[in-house]
Protein backbone atom coordinates (compact mmCIF):
# COMPACT_ATOMS: atom_id res chain seq x y z
CA MET A 1 -6.67 119.87 -53.18
CA MET A 2 -8.60 120.11 -49.94
CA ASP A 3 -11.85 118.57 -48.81
CA HIS A 4 -13.75 117.80 -45.62
CA ASP A 5 -14.33 114.29 -44.29
CA GLU A 6 -17.38 112.83 -42.58
CA ARG A 7 -15.94 113.55 -39.11
CA GLY A 8 -15.42 117.27 -39.77
CA GLY A 9 -11.70 117.14 -40.45
CA THR A 10 -9.98 118.77 -43.39
CA VAL A 11 -8.14 116.50 -45.80
CA PHE A 12 -5.37 117.78 -48.07
CA THR A 13 -4.30 115.68 -51.04
CA LEU A 14 -1.71 116.15 -53.75
CA HIS A 15 -0.76 113.98 -56.71
CA ALA A 16 3.05 113.87 -56.85
CA PRO A 17 4.09 110.36 -57.94
CA ASP A 18 7.82 111.12 -58.27
CA ALA A 19 8.17 112.98 -54.95
CA GLU A 20 10.29 111.71 -52.09
CA VAL A 21 8.85 114.10 -49.46
CA VAL A 22 5.63 116.16 -49.54
CA GLU A 23 4.74 118.64 -46.80
CA LEU A 24 1.93 121.06 -46.09
CA THR A 25 2.86 124.48 -44.72
CA ALA A 26 -0.18 126.19 -43.24
CA SER A 27 -1.19 129.13 -41.06
CA PHE A 28 -3.42 128.27 -38.12
CA GLY A 29 -4.70 131.63 -36.95
CA GLY A 30 -2.63 134.75 -36.55
CA GLU A 31 1.00 134.50 -37.57
CA ARG A 32 1.45 130.89 -36.45
CA GLU A 33 2.67 128.77 -39.37
CA ARG A 34 3.55 125.08 -39.23
CA THR A 35 4.94 122.55 -41.67
CA LEU A 36 3.44 119.07 -41.49
CA ALA A 37 4.55 115.92 -43.31
CA MET A 38 2.06 114.30 -45.65
CA ARG A 39 1.69 110.52 -46.05
CA ARG A 40 2.14 108.68 -49.30
CA CYS A 41 -0.96 106.83 -50.48
CA GLY A 42 -1.65 104.75 -53.58
CA ASP A 43 -1.33 105.88 -57.19
CA GLY A 44 1.23 108.62 -56.51
CA GLY A 45 -0.95 110.57 -54.13
CA TRP A 46 -0.10 112.17 -50.78
CA ARG A 47 -2.57 112.87 -47.95
CA LEU A 48 -2.82 114.76 -44.66
CA ARG A 49 -5.85 115.11 -42.38
CA ILE A 50 -6.22 118.11 -40.05
CA HIS A 51 -8.39 117.54 -36.98
CA PRO A 52 -11.79 119.23 -36.63
CA GLY A 53 -11.56 122.53 -34.82
CA LEU A 54 -8.27 123.64 -36.38
CA THR A 55 -8.79 126.56 -38.73
CA CYS A 56 -6.33 126.86 -41.58
CA THR A 57 -6.30 130.31 -43.17
CA ARG A 58 -3.53 129.73 -45.74
CA HIS A 59 -1.72 126.70 -47.04
CA ARG A 60 0.85 125.66 -49.60
CA PHE A 61 2.50 122.40 -50.57
CA ARG A 62 6.24 121.76 -50.51
CA VAL A 63 7.52 118.90 -52.68
CA ASP A 64 11.11 117.78 -52.17
CA GLY A 65 11.94 121.14 -50.59
CA ARG A 66 10.30 123.37 -53.23
CA PHE A 67 7.00 125.19 -52.76
CA LEU A 68 4.31 124.67 -55.40
CA ALA A 69 1.80 127.26 -56.55
CA ASP A 70 -1.66 126.04 -55.52
CA ARG A 71 -4.87 127.64 -56.67
CA ASP A 72 -6.55 126.86 -53.33
CA SER A 73 -3.76 128.33 -51.19
CA LEU A 74 -5.71 131.49 -50.32
CA ASP A 75 -8.97 129.72 -49.48
CA GLU A 76 -9.94 129.51 -45.85
CA VAL A 77 -10.62 126.00 -44.57
């Protein structure tokens, strides 16, 4: 899931209580793709905030090394 915070950043969250590692792989304009580690938060959730001004055109989540299908993965942030 993705949302925007009050400071203009984009926040990605994923509920994966049994995961050891959760990452976000995203494209930031053109062909440039990066993988960023997400932080564990309470109740089995994971979170990552992208700073305002960064435009993410595609994203997908990777849990314990395996990519998940995400219905929002083609939405532009």
